């Protein structure tokens, strides 16, 4: 069995991966093939690197959560603002190729 490649020291998580990872026990997510992958990378990132989250990710999670359900506060997660420079660096992998944009 191949060893998984090392994770970077810091990883930025978007709202989709974060919500899928945190709601892995939600019955409405049953059958969603992305849940297991999101949960696996979330757990591994907490163990091996530092997760960077935008406050907007937390807001989206809280907006869809049951009333009064707090966002989990654990070590290994850092809440950061997204800067212009970060957005420029992320656009290389976060955007579809220009030819596929409508």
N, C-alpha and C. Protein backbone atom coordinates (compact mmCIF):
# COMPACT_ATOMS: atom_id res chain seq x y z
N UNK A 1 0.85 -1.18 0.00
CA UNK A 1 0.00 0.00 0.00
C UNK A 1 0.89 1.24 0.00
N UNK A 2 0.58 2.17 -0.88
CA UNK A 2 1.34 3.41 -0.96
C UNK A 2 1.05 4.31 0.23
N UNK A 3 2.09 4.99 0.68
CA UNK A 3 1.90 5.96 1.76
C UNK A 3 1.35 7.26 1.15
N UNK A 4 0.37 7.83 1.81
CA UNK A 4 -0.23 9.09 1.32
C UNK A 4 0.83 10.19 1.36
N UNK A 5 0.80 11.09 0.37
CA UNK A 5 1.77 12.19 0.39
C UNK A 5 1.56 13.08 1.60
N UNK A 6 2.64 13.71 2.03
CA UNK A 6 2.56 14.60 3.19
C UNK A 6 1.66 15.78 2.88
N UNK A 7 0.94 16.21 3.89
CA UNK A 7 0.09 17.40 3.75
C UNK A 7 0.94 18.65 3.96
N UNK A 8 0.51 19.77 3.37
CA UNK A 8 1.24 21.02 3.64
C UNK A 8 1.05 21.44 5.10
N UNK A 9 1.90 22.32 5.57
CA UNK A 9 1.84 22.77 6.96
C UNK A 9 0.52 23.48 7.26
N UNK A 10 -0.04 24.19 6.26
CA UNK A 10 -1.31 24.90 6.43
C UNK A 10 -2.20 24.59 5.23
N UNK A 11 -3.47 24.41 5.50
CA UNK A 11 -4.44 24.12 4.43
C UNK A 11 -5.65 25.03 4.59
N UNK A 12 -6.11 25.62 3.49
CA UNK A 12 -7.32 26.43 3.49
C UNK A 12 -8.48 25.53 3.09
N UNK A 13 -9.50 25.47 3.92
CA UNK A 13 -10.68 24.66 3.64
C UNK A 13 -11.82 25.57 3.22
N UNK A 14 -12.56 25.13 2.20
CA UNK A 14 -13.73 25.89 1.78
C UNK A 14 -14.96 25.40 2.54
N UNK A 15 -16.09 26.04 2.29
CA UNK A 15 -17.30 25.69 3.04
C UNK A 15 -17.83 24.30 2.68
N UNK A 16 -17.68 23.87 1.43
CA UNK A 16 -18.22 22.57 1.04
C UNK A 16 -17.51 21.45 1.80
N UNK A 17 -16.19 21.44 1.77
CA UNK A 17 -15.43 20.39 2.47
C UNK A 17 -15.68 20.47 3.97
N UNK A 18 -15.68 21.66 4.52
CA UNK A 18 -15.89 21.83 5.96
C UNK A 18 -17.25 21.31 6.39
N UNK A 19 -18.29 21.71 5.70
CA UNK A 19 -19.65 21.30 6.07
C UNK A 19 -19.83 19.79 5.90
N UNK A 20 -19.35 19.24 4.80
CA UNK A 20 -19.45 17.80 4.61
C UNK A 20 -18.70 17.04 5.70
N UNK A 21 -17.52 17.53 6.07
CA UNK A 21 -16.72 16.86 7.10
C UNK A 21 -17.39 16.93 8.47
N UNK A 22 -17.98 18.06 8.79
CA UNK A 22 -18.59 18.23 10.11
C UNK A 22 -19.97 17.59 10.21
N UNK A 23 -20.62 17.40 9.08
CA UNK A 23 -21.96 16.79 9.09
C UNK A 23 -21.94 15.34 8.63
N UNK A 24 -20.83 14.65 8.85
CA UNK A 24 -20.69 13.28 8.36
C UNK A 24 -21.69 12.31 8.98
N UNK A 25 -22.26 12.66 10.12
CA UNK A 25 -23.26 11.79 10.75
C UNK A 25 -24.70 12.22 10.45
N UNK A 26 -24.86 13.29 9.69
CA UNK A 26 -26.19 13.80 9.36
C UNK A 26 -26.88 12.82 8.41
N UNK A 27 -28.06 12.31 8.77
CA UNK A 27 -28.75 11.34 7.92
C UNK A 27 -29.06 11.86 6.51
N UNK A 28 -29.22 13.16 6.36
CA UNK A 28 -29.51 13.70 5.03
C UNK A 28 -28.30 13.63 4.11
N UNK A 29 -27.13 13.41 4.67
CA UNK A 29 -25.90 13.29 3.88
C UNK A 29 -25.59 11.85 3.50
N UNK A 30 -26.40 10.92 4.00
CA UNK A 30 -26.18 9.50 3.72
C UNK A 30 -26.24 9.29 2.20
N UNK A 31 -25.29 8.57 1.68
CA UNK A 31 -25.26 8.30 0.25
C UNK A 31 -24.47 9.32 -0.55
N UNK A 32 -24.06 10.42 0.06
CA UNK A 32 -23.24 11.41 -0.64
C UNK A 32 -21.80 10.91 -0.64
N UNK A 33 -21.26 10.57 -1.80
CA UNK A 33 -19.92 9.99 -1.84
C UNK A 33 -18.81 10.95 -1.41
N UNK A 34 -19.11 12.24 -1.37
CA UNK A 34 -18.08 13.22 -0.99
C UNK A 34 -17.86 13.28 0.51
N UNK A 35 -18.83 12.82 1.30
CA UNK A 35 -18.75 12.94 2.76
C UNK A 35 -17.55 12.20 3.33
N UNK A 36 -17.35 10.96 2.93
CA UNK A 36 -16.24 10.17 3.47
C UNK A 36 -14.90 10.81 3.14
N UNK A 37 -14.74 11.29 1.91
CA UNK A 37 -13.48 11.93 1.52
C UNK A 37 -13.25 13.21 2.31
N UNK A 38 -14.31 14.02 2.44
CA UNK A 38 -14.18 15.28 3.19
C UNK A 38 -13.81 15.01 4.65
N UNK A 39 -14.47 14.02 5.24
CA UNK A 39 -14.18 13.70 6.64
C UNK A 39 -12.75 13.18 6.79
N UNK A 40 -12.32 12.35 5.86
CA UNK A 40 -10.97 11.79 5.94
C UNK A 40 -9.90 12.89 5.85
N UNK A 41 -10.06 13.80 4.90
CA UNK A 41 -9.06 14.86 4.78
C UNK A 41 -9.13 15.82 5.96
N UNK A 42 -10.33 16.06 6.51
CA UNK A 42 -10.49 16.93 7.68
C UNK A 42 -9.75 16.35 8.89
N UNK A 43 -9.99 15.08 9.17
CA UNK A 43 -9.36 14.42 10.33
C UNK A 43 -7.85 14.38 10.15
N UNK A 44 -7.42 14.04 8.96
CA UNK A 44 -5.97 13.98 8.70
C UNK A 44 -5.34 15.36 8.82
N UNK A 45 -6.01 16.39 8.30
CA UNK A 45 -5.47 17.76 8.39
C UNK A 45 -5.39 18.22 9.84
N UNK A 46 -6.38 17.88 10.66
CA UNK A 46 -6.32 18.25 12.08
C UNK A 46 -5.12 17.60 12.77
N UNK A 47 -4.79 16.41 12.32
CA UNK A 47 -3.70 15.66 12.94
C UNK A 47 -2.33 16.11 12.42
N UNK A 48 -2.25 16.45 11.13
CA UNK A 48 -0.94 16.65 10.51
C UNK A 48 -0.62 18.09 10.09
N UNK A 49 -1.60 18.96 10.05
CA UNK A 49 -1.32 20.33 9.62
C UNK A 49 -2.23 21.30 10.35
N UNK A 50 -2.29 22.50 9.88
CA UNK A 50 -3.13 23.54 10.48
C UNK A 50 -4.19 23.92 9.45
N UNK A 51 -5.46 23.93 9.86
CA UNK A 51 -6.57 24.27 8.96
C UNK A 51 -6.85 25.77 9.09
N UNK A 52 -6.89 26.44 7.96
CA UNK A 52 -7.23 27.85 7.93
C UNK A 52 -8.66 27.98 7.40
N UNK A 53 -9.51 28.67 8.17
CA UNK A 53 -10.90 28.86 7.78
C UNK A 53 -11.24 30.35 7.75
N UNK A 54 -11.96 30.72 6.74
CA UNK A 54 -12.49 32.08 6.65
C UNK A 54 -13.71 32.19 7.56
N UNK A 55 -13.94 33.34 8.15
CA UNK A 55 -15.17 33.53 8.93
C UNK A 55 -16.43 33.26 8.11
N UNK A 56 -16.36 33.45 6.79
CA UNK A 56 -17.53 33.18 5.95
C UNK A 56 -17.86 31.69 5.92
N UNK A 57 -16.87 30.82 6.06
CA UNK A 57 -17.12 29.38 6.14
C UNK A 57 -17.89 29.07 7.42
N UNK A 58 -17.47 29.68 8.51
CA UNK A 58 -18.15 29.48 9.80
C UNK A 58 -19.58 30.01 9.70
N UNK A 59 -19.75 31.17 9.09
CA UNK A 59 -21.08 31.76 8.92
C UNK A 59 -21.99 30.84 8.11
N UNK A 60 -21.47 30.28 7.03
CA UNK A 60 -22.28 29.38 6.20
C UNK A 60 -22.66 28.12 6.98
N UNK A 61 -21.73 27.59 7.76
CA UNK A 61 -22.03 26.40 8.58
C UNK A 61 -23.12 26.73 9.60
N UNK A 62 -22.94 27.83 10.32
CA UNK A 62 -23.91 28.20 11.36
C UNK A 62 -25.27 28.53 10.77
N UNK A 63 -25.30 29.09 9.56
CA UNK A 63 -26.56 29.43 8.91
C UNK A 63 -27.38 28.21 8.54
N UNK A 64 -26.72 27.09 8.30
CA UNK A 64 -27.43 25.88 7.93
C UNK A 64 -27.58 24.88 9.06
N UNK A 65 -26.95 25.17 10.19
CA UNK A 65 -26.98 24.24 11.32
C UNK A 65 -28.26 24.40 12.12
N UNK A 66 -28.51 23.42 12.98
CA UNK A 66 -29.65 23.53 13.89
C UNK A 66 -29.45 24.76 14.77
N UNK A 67 -30.51 25.46 15.10
CA UNK A 67 -30.37 26.65 15.95
C UNK A 67 -29.64 26.31 17.25
N UNK A 68 -28.69 27.15 17.59
CA UNK A 68 -27.94 26.96 18.83
C UNK A 68 -26.76 26.02 18.72
N UNK A 69 -26.59 25.36 17.55
CA UNK A 69 -25.46 24.45 17.38
C UNK A 69 -24.20 25.28 17.13
N UNK A 70 -23.21 25.20 18.01
CA UNK A 70 -22.01 26.02 17.83
C UNK A 70 -21.05 25.41 16.82
N UNK A 71 -20.20 26.24 16.28
CA UNK A 71 -19.13 25.74 15.42
C UNK A 71 -18.07 25.13 16.35
N UNK A 72 -17.58 23.94 16.03
CA UNK A 72 -16.61 23.31 16.93
C UNK A 72 -15.31 24.10 17.02
N UNK A 73 -14.87 24.37 18.21
CA UNK A 73 -13.60 25.06 18.44
C UNK A 73 -12.59 24.02 18.90
N UNK A 74 -11.63 23.75 18.04
CA UNK A 74 -10.60 22.77 18.36
C UNK A 74 -9.24 23.32 17.97
N UNK A 75 -8.21 22.81 18.63
CA UNK A 75 -6.87 23.25 18.25
C UNK A 75 -6.59 22.71 16.85
N UNK A 76 -5.80 23.40 16.12
CA UNK A 76 -5.51 23.00 14.75
C UNK A 76 -6.31 23.77 13.73
N UNK A 77 -7.29 24.55 14.19
CA UNK A 77 -8.08 25.39 13.27
C UNK A 77 -7.78 26.85 13.59
N UNK A 78 -7.45 27.59 12.57
CA UNK A 78 -7.18 29.01 12.72
C UNK A 78 -8.16 29.78 11.85
N UNK A 79 -8.86 30.71 12.43
CA UNK A 79 -9.83 31.53 11.69
C UNK A 79 -9.10 32.75 11.16
N UNK A 80 -9.09 32.86 9.84
CA UNK A 80 -8.32 33.90 9.18
C UNK A 80 -9.16 34.63 8.15
N UNK A 81 -8.81 35.87 7.92
CA UNK A 81 -9.44 36.62 6.83
C UNK A 81 -8.75 36.27 5.52
N UNK A 82 -9.48 36.32 4.45
CA UNK A 82 -8.88 36.07 3.15
C UNK A 82 -8.45 37.39 2.56
N UNK A 83 -7.19 37.47 2.23
CA UNK A 83 -6.64 38.70 1.66
C UNK A 83 -6.67 38.61 0.14
N UNK A 84 -6.43 39.73 -0.46
CA UNK A 84 -6.34 39.78 -1.92
C UNK A 84 -5.25 38.84 -2.43
N UNK A 85 -4.10 38.83 -1.74
CA UNK A 85 -2.99 37.98 -2.14
C UNK A 85 -3.36 36.50 -2.03
N UNK A 86 -4.10 36.15 -0.99
CA UNK A 86 -4.52 34.76 -0.82
C UNK A 86 -5.48 34.38 -1.95
N UNK A 87 -6.40 35.27 -2.28
CA UNK A 87 -7.34 35.00 -3.37
C UNK A 87 -6.61 34.81 -4.69
N UNK A 88 -5.60 35.63 -4.95
CA UNK A 88 -4.82 35.49 -6.18
C UNK A 88 -4.11 34.14 -6.23
N UNK A 89 -3.56 33.70 -5.10
CA UNK A 89 -2.86 32.42 -5.05
C UNK A 89 -3.83 31.26 -5.22
N UNK A 90 -5.04 31.38 -4.67
CA UNK A 90 -6.02 30.30 -4.71
C UNK A 90 -6.71 30.18 -6.07
N UNK A 91 -6.79 31.25 -6.82
CA UNK A 91 -7.55 31.24 -8.07
C UNK A 91 -6.98 30.23 -9.06
N UNK A 92 -5.71 29.90 -8.94
CA UNK A 92 -5.09 28.95 -9.86
C UNK A 92 -5.75 27.58 -9.80
N UNK A 93 -6.18 27.16 -8.63
CA UNK A 93 -6.79 25.84 -8.49
C UNK A 93 -8.27 25.90 -8.16
N UNK A 94 -8.78 27.05 -7.79
CA UNK A 94 -10.17 27.15 -7.35
C UNK A 94 -11.14 27.49 -8.47
N UNK A 95 -10.63 27.94 -9.59
CA UNK A 95 -11.51 28.38 -10.68
C UNK A 95 -11.47 27.40 -11.84
N UNK A 96 -12.61 27.25 -12.53
CA UNK A 96 -12.60 26.43 -13.75
C UNK A 96 -11.79 27.17 -14.82
N UNK A 97 -11.26 26.44 -15.78
CA UNK A 97 -10.54 27.12 -16.87
C UNK A 97 -11.44 28.15 -17.54
N UNK A 98 -10.87 29.22 -18.01
CA UNK A 98 -11.64 30.30 -18.64
C UNK A 98 -12.50 29.77 -19.78
N UNK A 99 -12.03 28.76 -20.49
CA UNK A 99 -12.78 28.22 -21.62
C UNK A 99 -14.10 27.57 -21.18
N UNK A 100 -14.22 27.15 -19.88
CA UNK A 100 -15.43 26.51 -19.40
C UNK A 100 -16.36 27.47 -18.69
N UNK A 101 -15.94 28.71 -18.49
CA UNK A 101 -16.81 29.69 -17.83
C UNK A 101 -17.89 30.14 -18.80
N UNK A 102 -19.07 30.40 -18.25
CA UNK A 102 -20.15 30.87 -19.14
C UNK A 102 -20.38 32.34 -18.96
